[in-house]
PDB file of all heavy atoms in Angstrom:
ATOM      1  N   GLU A   1     139.132  62.358  79.540  1.00  0.00           N
ATOM      2  CA  GLU A   1     138.948  63.667  78.908  1.00  0.00           C
ATOM      3  C   GLU A   1     140.270  64.237  78.395  1.00  0.00           C
ATOM      4  O   GLU A   1     140.297  64.866  77.342  1.00  0.00           O
ATOM      5  CB  GLU A   1     138.273  64.639  79.880  1.00  0.00           C
ATOM      6  CG  GLU A   1     136.818  64.307  80.130  1.00  0.00           C
ATOM      7  CD  GLU A   1     136.126  65.333  81.011  1.00  0.00           C
ATOM      8  OE1 GLU A   1     136.431  66.542  80.890  1.00  0.00           O
ATOM      9  OE2 GLU A   1     135.272  64.928  81.819  1.00  0.00           O
ATOM     10  N   LEU A   2     141.346  64.015  79.127  1.00  0.00           N
ATOM     11  CA  LEU A   2     142.648  64.536  78.691  1.00  0.00           C
ATOM     12  C   LEU A   2     143.111  63.888  77.394  1.00  0.00           C
ATOM     13  O   LEU A   2     143.790  64.536  76.596  1.00  0.00           O
ATOM     14  CB  LEU A   2     143.694  64.345  79.799  1.00  0.00           C
ATOM     15  CG  LEU A   2     143.546  65.296  80.986  1.00  0.00           C
ATOM     16  CD1 LEU A   2     144.473  64.883  82.122  1.00  0.00           C
ATOM     17  CD2 LEU A   2     143.793  66.741  80.560  1.00  0.00           C
ATOM     18  N   ALA A   3     142.731  62.650  77.167  1.00  0.00           N
ATOM     19  CA  ALA A   3     143.093  61.989  75.908  1.00  0.00           C
ATOM     20  C   ALA A   3     142.556  62.784  74.722  1.00  0.00           C
ATOM     21  O   ALA A   3     143.223  62.885  73.687  1.00  0.00           O
ATOM     22  CB  ALA A   3     142.570  60.558  75.889  1.00  0.00           C
ATOM     23  N   GLY A   4     141.397  63.382  74.870  1.00  0.00           N
ATOM     24  CA  GLY A   4     140.823  64.215  73.818  1.00  0.00           C
ATOM     25  C   GLY A   4     141.593  65.507  73.580  1.00  0.00           C
ATOM     26  O   GLY A   4     141.401  66.167  72.556  1.00  0.00           O
ATOM     27  N   HIS A   5     142.460  65.853  74.516  1.00  0.00           N
ATOM     28  CA  HIS A   5     143.321  67.043  74.384  1.00  0.00           C
ATOM     29  C   HIS A   5     144.741  66.660  73.967  1.00  0.00           C
ATOM     30  O   HIS A   5     145.650  67.495  74.012  1.00  0.00           O
ATOM     31  CB  HIS A   5     143.358  67.821  75.706  1.00  0.00           C
ATOM     32  CG  HIS A   5     142.052  68.438  76.084  1.00  0.00           C
ATOM     33  ND1 HIS A   5     141.627  69.650  75.592  1.00  0.00           N
ATOM     34  CD2 HIS A   5     141.063  67.992  76.891  1.00  0.00           C
ATOM     35  CE1 HIS A   5     140.438  69.934  76.089  1.00  0.00           C
ATOM     36  NE2 HIS A   5     140.068  68.937  76.883  1.00  0.00           N
ATOM     37  N   GLY A   6     144.938  65.395  73.624  1.00  0.00           N
ATOM     38  CA  GLY A   6     146.260  64.947  73.187  1.00  0.00           C
ATOM     39  C   GLY A   6     147.219  64.644  74.315  1.00  0.00           C
ATOM     40  O   GLY A   6     148.436  64.615  74.110  1.00  0.00           O
ATOM     41  N   ILE A   7     146.698  64.412  75.516  1.00  0.00           N
ATOM     42  CA  ILE A   7     147.536  64.073  76.665  1.00  0.00           C
ATOM     43  C   ILE A   7     147.426  62.568  76.919  1.00  0.00           C
ATOM     44  O   ILE A   7     146.340  62.048  77.175  1.00  0.00           O
ATOM     45  CB  ILE A   7     147.094  64.827  77.939  1.00  0.00           C
ATOM     46  CG1 ILE A   7     147.220  66.342  77.757  1.00  0.00           C
ATOM     47  CG2 ILE A   7     147.875  64.347  79.164  1.00  0.00           C
ATOM     48  CD1 ILE A   7     148.637  66.872  77.685  1.00  0.00           C
ATOM     49  N   GLY A   8     148.553  61.860  76.850  1.00  0.00           N
ATOM     50  CA  GLY A   8     148.590  60.463  77.217  1.00  0.00           C
ATOM     51  C   GLY A   8     148.681  60.341  78.723  1.00  0.00           C
ATOM     52  O   GLY A   8     149.116  61.267  79.410  1.00  0.00           O
ATOM     53  N   SER A   9     148.273  59.207  79.254  1.00  0.00           N
ATOM     54  CA  SER A   9     148.337  58.964  80.698  1.00  0.00           C
ATOM     55  C   SER A   9     148.858  57.555  80.943  1.00  0.00           C
ATOM     56  O   SER A   9     148.547  56.633  80.184  1.00  0.00           O
ATOM     57  CB  SER A   9     146.954  59.101  81.336  1.00  0.00           C
ATOM     58  OG  SER A   9     146.438  60.404  81.167  1.00  0.00           O
ATOM     59  N   VAL A  10     149.600  57.407  82.021  1.00  0.00           N
ATOM     60  CA  VAL A  10     150.107  56.087  82.429  1.00  0.00           C
ATOM     61  C   VAL A  10     150.199  56.068  83.949  1.00  0.00           C
ATOM     62  O   VAL A  10     150.592  57.055  84.578  1.00  0.00           O
ATOM     63  CB  VAL A  10     151.479  55.773  81.783  1.00  0.00           C
ATOM     64  CG1 VAL A  10     152.548  56.779  82.185  1.00  0.00           C
ATOM     65  CG2 VAL A  10     151.917  54.355  82.085  1.00  0.00           C
ATOM     66  N   ALA A  11     149.792  54.941  84.553  1.00  0.00           N
ATOM     67  CA  ALA A  11     149.889  54.759  85.999  1.00  0.00           C
ATOM     68  C   ALA A  11     150.940  53.702  86.292  1.00  0.00           C
ATOM     69  O   ALA A  11     151.013  52.682  85.610  1.00  0.00           O
ATOM     70  CB  ALA A  11     148.538  54.332  86.572  1.00  0.00           C
ATOM     71  N   ILE A  12     151.756  53.963  87.317  1.00  0.00           N
ATOM     72  CA  ILE A  12     152.837  53.062  87.708  1.00  0.00           C
ATOM     73  C   ILE A  12     152.669  52.717  89.186  1.00  0.00           C
ATOM     74  O   ILE A  12     152.424  53.603  90.012  1.00  0.00           O
ATOM     75  CB  ILE A  12     154.212  53.713  87.456  1.00  0.00           C
ATOM     76  CG1 ILE A  12     154.367  54.061  85.972  1.00  0.00           C
ATOM     77  CG2 ILE A  12     155.345  52.814  87.945  1.00  0.00           C
ATOM     78  CD1 ILE A  12     155.597  54.880  85.636  1.00  0.00           C
ATOM     79  N   MET A  13     152.795  51.435  89.491  1.00  0.00           N
ATOM     80  CA  MET A  13     152.716  50.964  90.868  1.00  0.00           C
ATOM     81  C   MET A  13     154.098  50.445  91.254  1.00  0.00           C
ATOM     82  O   MET A  13     154.626  49.536  90.622  1.00  0.00           O
ATOM     83  CB  MET A  13     151.663  49.849  90.982  1.00  0.00           C
ATOM     84  CG  MET A  13     151.127  49.622  92.400  1.00  0.00           C
ATOM     85  SD  MET A  13     152.297  49.110  93.677  1.00  0.00           S
ATOM     86  CE  MET A  13     152.799  47.508  93.062  1.00  0.00           C
ATOM     87  N   SER A  14     154.677  51.038  92.293  1.00  0.00           N
ATOM     88  CA  SER A  14     156.052  50.726  92.683  1.00  0.00           C
ATOM     89  C   SER A  14     156.189  50.160  94.093  1.00  0.00           C
ATOM     90  O   SER A  14     157.313  49.965  94.561  1.00  0.00           O
ATOM     91  CB  SER A  14     156.916  51.991  92.569  1.00  0.00           C
ATOM     92  OG  SER A  14     156.893  52.496  91.262  1.00  0.00           O
ATOM     93  N   ASN A  15     155.101  49.915  94.783  1.00  0.00           N
ATOM     94  CA  ASN A  15     155.184  49.440  96.171  1.00  0.00           C
ATOM     95  C   ASN A  15     155.783  48.039  96.287  1.00  0.00           C
ATOM     96  O   ASN A  15     155.715  47.236  95.363  1.00  0.00           O
ATOM     97  CB  ASN A  15     153.797  49.427  96.811  1.00  0.00           C
ATOM     98  CG  ASN A  15     153.345  50.805  97.241  1.00  0.00           C
ATOM     99  OD1 ASN A  15     154.138  51.737  97.296  1.00  0.00           O
ATOM    100  ND2 ASN A  15     152.071  50.934  97.536  1.00  0.00           N
ATOM    101  N   ASP A  16     156.310  47.763  97.471  1.00  0.00           N
ATOM    102  CA  ASP A  16     156.820  46.442  97.831  1.00  0.00           C
ATOM    103  C   ASP A  16     155.622  45.511  98.009  1.00  0.00           C
ATOM    104  O   ASP A  16     154.874  45.633  98.987  1.00  0.00           O
ATOM    105  CB  ASP A  16     157.620  46.554  99.127  1.00  0.00           C
ATOM    106  CG  ASP A  16     158.111  45.226  99.659  1.00  0.00           C
ATOM    107  OD1 ASP A  16     157.921  44.188  98.988  1.00  0.00           O
ATOM    108  OD2 ASP A  16     158.688  45.221 100.762  1.00  0.00           O
ATOM    109  N   ILE A  17     155.433  44.577  97.087  1.00  0.00           N
ATOM    110  CA  ILE A  17     154.251  43.713  97.137  1.00  0.00           C
ATOM    111  C   ILE A  17     154.378  42.613  98.177  1.00  0.00           C
ATOM    112  O   ILE A  17     153.366  42.027  98.579  1.00  0.00           O
ATOM    113  CB  ILE A  17     153.894  43.136  95.757  1.00  0.00           C
ATOM    114  CG1 ILE A  17     155.000  42.228  95.225  1.00  0.00           C
ATOM    115  CG2 ILE A  17     153.550  44.255  94.789  1.00  0.00           C
ATOM    116  CD1 ILE A  17     154.591  41.437  93.990  1.00  0.00           C
ATOM    117  N   ALA A  18     155.594  42.336  98.644  1.00  0.00           N
ATOM    118  CA  ALA A  18     155.736  41.351  99.722  1.00  0.00           C
ATOM    119  C   ALA A  18     155.098  41.903 100.998  1.00  0.00           C
ATOM    120  O   ALA A  18     154.433  41.181 101.739  1.00  0.00           O
ATOM    121  CB  ALA A  18     157.200  41.014  99.954  1.00  0.00           C
ATOM    122  N   ALA A  19     155.279  43.180 101.242  1.00  0.00           N
ATOM    123  CA  ALA A  19     154.698  43.825 102.419  1.00  0.00           C
ATOM    124  C   ALA A  19     153.250  44.256 102.184  1.00  0.00           C
ATOM    125  O   ALA A  19     152.479  44.359 103.132  1.00  0.00           O
ATOM    126  CB  ALA A  19     155.545  45.031 102.817  1.00  0.00           C
ATOM    127  N   TYR A  20     152.879  44.487 100.923  1.00  0.00           N
ATOM    128  CA  TYR A  20     151.535  44.966 100.570  1.00  0.00           C
ATOM    129  C   TYR A  20     150.970  44.117  99.435  1.00  0.00           C
ATOM    130  O   TYR A  20     150.896  44.553  98.278  1.00  0.00           O
ATOM    131  CB  TYR A  20     151.582  46.450 100.192  1.00  0.00           C
ATOM    132  CG  TYR A  20     151.889  47.305 101.386  1.00  0.00           C
ATOM    133  CD1 TYR A  20     153.201  47.534 101.788  1.00  0.00           C
ATOM    134  CD2 TYR A  20     150.862  47.815 102.164  1.00  0.00           C
ATOM    135  CE1 TYR A  20     153.483  48.268 102.921  1.00  0.00           C
ATOM    136  CE2 TYR A  20     151.131  48.562 103.299  1.00  0.00           C
ATOM    137  CZ  TYR A  20     152.445  48.783 103.677  1.00  0.00           C
ATOM    138  OH  TYR A  20     152.714  49.505 104.809  1.00  0.00           O
ATOM    139  N   PRO A  21     150.523  42.886  99.740  1.00  0.00           N
ATOM    140  CA  PRO A  21     150.034  41.990  98.696  1.00  0.00           C
ATOM    141  C   PRO A  21     148.799  42.511  97.958  1.00  0.00           C
ATOM    142  O   PRO A  21     148.522  42.077  96.842  1.00  0.00           O
ATOM    143  CB  PRO A  21     149.735  40.682  99.439  1.00  0.00           C
ATOM    144  CG  PRO A  21     149.745  41.012 100.881  1.00  0.00           C
ATOM    145  CD  PRO A  21     150.543  42.254 101.061  1.00  0.00           C
ATOM    146  N   ALA A  22     148.074  43.455  98.529  1.00  0.00           N
ATOM    147  CA  ALA A  22     146.921  44.041  97.830  1.00  0.00           C
ATOM    148  C   ALA A  22     147.359  44.812  96.583  1.00  0.00           C
ATOM    149  O   ALA A  22     146.530  45.126  95.724  1.00  0.00           O
ATOM    150  CB  ALA A  22     146.142  44.965  98.759  1.00  0.00           C
ATOM    151  N   ASP A  23     148.653  45.097  96.490  1.00  0.00           N
ATOM    152  CA  ASP A  23     149.191  45.826  95.337  1.00  0.00           C
ATOM    153  C   ASP A  23     149.871  44.904  94.328  1.00  0.00           C
ATOM    154  O   ASP A  23     150.472  45.379  93.365  1.00  0.00           O
ATOM    155  CB  ASP A  23     150.197  46.884  95.808  1.00  0.00           C
ATOM    156  CG  ASP A  23     149.538  48.009  96.589  1.00  0.00           C
ATOM    157  OD1 ASP A  23     148.329  48.252  96.399  1.00  0.00           O
ATOM    158  OD2 ASP A  23     150.238  48.648  97.397  1.00  0.00           O
ATOM    159  N   ALA A  24     149.785  43.598  94.509  1.00  0.00           N
ATOM    160  CA  ALA A  24     150.424  42.633  93.608  1.00  0.00           C
ATOM    161  C   ALA A  24     149.830  42.726  92.202  1.00  0.00           C
ATOM    162  O   ALA A  24     148.697  43.172  92.024  1.00  0.00           O
ATOM    163  CB  ALA A  24     150.259  41.220  94.160  1.00  0.00           C
ATOM    164  N   PRO A  25     150.598  42.330  91.193  1.00  0.00           N
ATOM    165  CA  PRO A  25     150.136  42.448  89.802  1.00  0.00           C
ATOM    166  C   PRO A  25     148.759  41.830  89.529  1.00  0.00           C
ATOM    167  O   PRO A  25     147.975  42.402  88.769  1.00  0.00           O
ATOM    168  CB  PRO A  25     151.236  41.738  89.007  1.00  0.00           C
ATOM    169  CG  PRO A  25     152.470  41.970  89.822  1.00  0.00           C
ATOM    170  CD  PRO A  25     151.996  41.875  91.252  1.00  0.00           C
ATOM    171  N   GLU A  26     148.438  40.699  90.157  1.00  0.00           N
ATOM    172  CA  GLU A  26     147.119  40.100  89.931  1.00  0.00           C
ATOM    173  C   GLU A  26     146.016  41.026  90.431  1.00  0.00           C
ATOM    174  O   GLU A  26     144.955  41.145  89.808  1.00  0.00           O
ATOM    175  CB  GLU A  26     146.989  38.750  90.658  1.00  0.00           C
ATOM    176  CG  GLU A  26     148.101  37.762  90.410  1.00  0.00           C
ATOM    177  CD  GLU A  26     149.347  38.036  91.270  1.00  0.00           C
ATOM    178  OE1 GLU A  26     149.264  38.224  92.502  1.00  0.00           O
ATOM    179  OE2 GLU A  26     150.436  38.077  90.666  1.00  0.00           O
ATOM    180  N   GLU A  27     146.261  41.666  91.582  1.00  0.00           N
ATOM    181  CA  GLU A  27     145.285  42.604  92.137  1.00  0.00           C
ATOM    182  C   GLU A  27     145.226  43.888  91.307  1.00  0.00           C
ATOM    183  O   GLU A  27     144.156  44.476  91.137  1.00  0.00           O
ATOM    184  CB  GLU A  27     145.609  42.913  93.599  1.00  0.00           C
ATOM    185  CG  GLU A  27     145.459  41.720  94.510  1.00  0.00           C
ATOM    186  CD  GLU A  27     144.050  41.141  94.472  1.00  0.00           C
ATOM    187  OE1 GLU A  27     143.075  41.916  94.534  1.00  0.00           O
ATOM    188  OE2 GLU A  27     143.926  39.903  94.364  1.00  0.00           O
ATOM    189  N   MET A  28     146.384  44.312  90.802  1.00  0.00           N
ATOM    190  CA  MET A  28     146.405  45.477  89.911  1.00  0.00           C
ATOM    191  C   MET A  28     145.543  45.202  88.679  1.00  0.00           C
ATOM    192  O   MET A  28     144.731  46.046  88.282  1.00  0.00           O
ATOM    193  CB  MET A  28     147.846  45.785  89.459  1.00  0.00           C
ATOM    194  CG  MET A  28     148.785  46.266  90.544  1.00  0.00           C
ATOM    195  SD  MET A  28     150.505  46.303  89.951  1.00  0.00           S
ATOM    196  CE  MET A  28     150.407  47.461  88.586  1.00  0.00           C
ATOM    197  N   ARG A  29     145.716  44.035  88.086  1.00  0.00           N
ATOM    198  CA  ARG A  29     144.949  43.657  86.892  1.00  0.00           C
ATOM    199  C   ARG A  29     143.448  43.621  87.187  1.00  0.00           C
ATOM    200  O   ARG A  29     142.638  44.146  86.440  1.00  0.00           O
ATOM    201  CB  ARG A  29     145.432  42.306  86.355  1.00  0.00           C
ATOM    202  CG  ARG A  29     144.709  41.842  85.099  1.00  0.00           C
ATOM    203  CD  ARG A  29     145.263  40.542  84.491  1.00  0.00           C
ATOM    204  NE  ARG A  29     145.739  39.566  85.448  1.00  0.00           N
ATOM    205  CZ  ARG A  29     147.024  39.349  85.752  1.00  0.00           C
ATOM    206  NH1 ARG A  29     147.983  40.041  85.174  1.00  0.00           N
ATOM    207  NH2 ARG A  29     147.363  38.427  86.628  1.00  0.00           N
ATOM    208  N   ARG A  30     143.097  43.019  88.323  1.00  0.00           N
ATOM    209  CA  ARG A  30     141.689  42.933  88.707  1.00  0.00           C
ATOM    210  C   ARG A  30     141.073  44.321  88.837  1.00  0.00           C
ATOM    211  O   ARG A  30     139.999  44.595  88.320  1.00  0.00           O
ATOM    212  CB  ARG A  30     141.550  42.163  90.028  1.00  0.00           C
ATOM    213  CG  ARG A  30     140.100  41.987  90.475  1.00  0.00           C
ATOM    214  CD  ARG A  30     139.989  41.547  91.933  1.00  0.00           C
ATOM    215  NE  ARG A  30     140.662  42.410  92.884  1.00  0.00           N
ATOM    216  CZ  ARG A  30     140.232  43.630  93.248  1.00  0.00           C
ATOM    217  NH1 ARG A  30     139.146  44.142  92.726  1.00  0.00           N
ATOM    218  NH2 ARG A  30     140.912  44.338  94.132  1.00  0.00           N
ATOM    219  N   TRP A  31     141.781  45.215  89.528  1.00  0.00           N
ATOM    220  CA  TRP A  31     141.270  46.573  89.759  1.00  0.00           C
ATOM    221  C   TRP A  31     141.172  47.355  88.448  1.00  0.00           C
ATOM    222  O   TRP A  31     140.180  48.046  88.204  1.00  0.00           O
ATOM    223  CB  TRP A  31     142.158  47.285  90.777  1.00  0.00           C
ATOM    224  CG  TRP A  31     141.493  48.399  91.515  1.00  0.00           C
ATOM    225  CD1 TRP A  31     140.207  48.440  91.976  1.00  0.00           C
ATOM    226  CD2 TRP A  31     142.090  49.633  91.896  1.00  0.00           C
ATOM    227  NE1 TRP A  31     139.980  49.628  92.626  1.00  0.00           N
ATOM    228  CE2 TRP A  31     141.119  50.371  92.599  1.00  0.00           C
ATOM    229  CE3 TRP A  31     143.352  50.172  91.728  1.00  0.00           C
ATOM    230  CZ2 TRP A  31     141.369  51.645  93.119  1.00  0.00           C
ATOM    231  CZ3 TRP A  31     143.600  51.439  92.257  1.00  0.00           C
ATOM    232  CH2 TRP A  31     142.626  52.163  92.936  1.00  0.00           C
ATOM    233  N   ALA A  32     142.197  47.256  87.620  1.00  0.00           N
ATOM    234  CA  ALA A  32     142.195  47.955  86.327  1.00  0.00           C
ATOM    235  C   ALA A  32     141.039  47.474  85.460  1.00  0.00           C
ATOM    236  O   ALA A  32     140.369  48.277  84.792  1.00  0.00           O
ATOM    237  CB  ALA A  32     143.522  47.754  85.606  1.00  0.00           C
TER     238      ALA A  32
END
């Protein structure tokens, strides 16, 4: 909805993936 108001959005994942493999790029891609 915010895109319709001219607001861009971006999500950033910064966690340590060695300690939290559920946050690894492959899992990020799957979830997205």
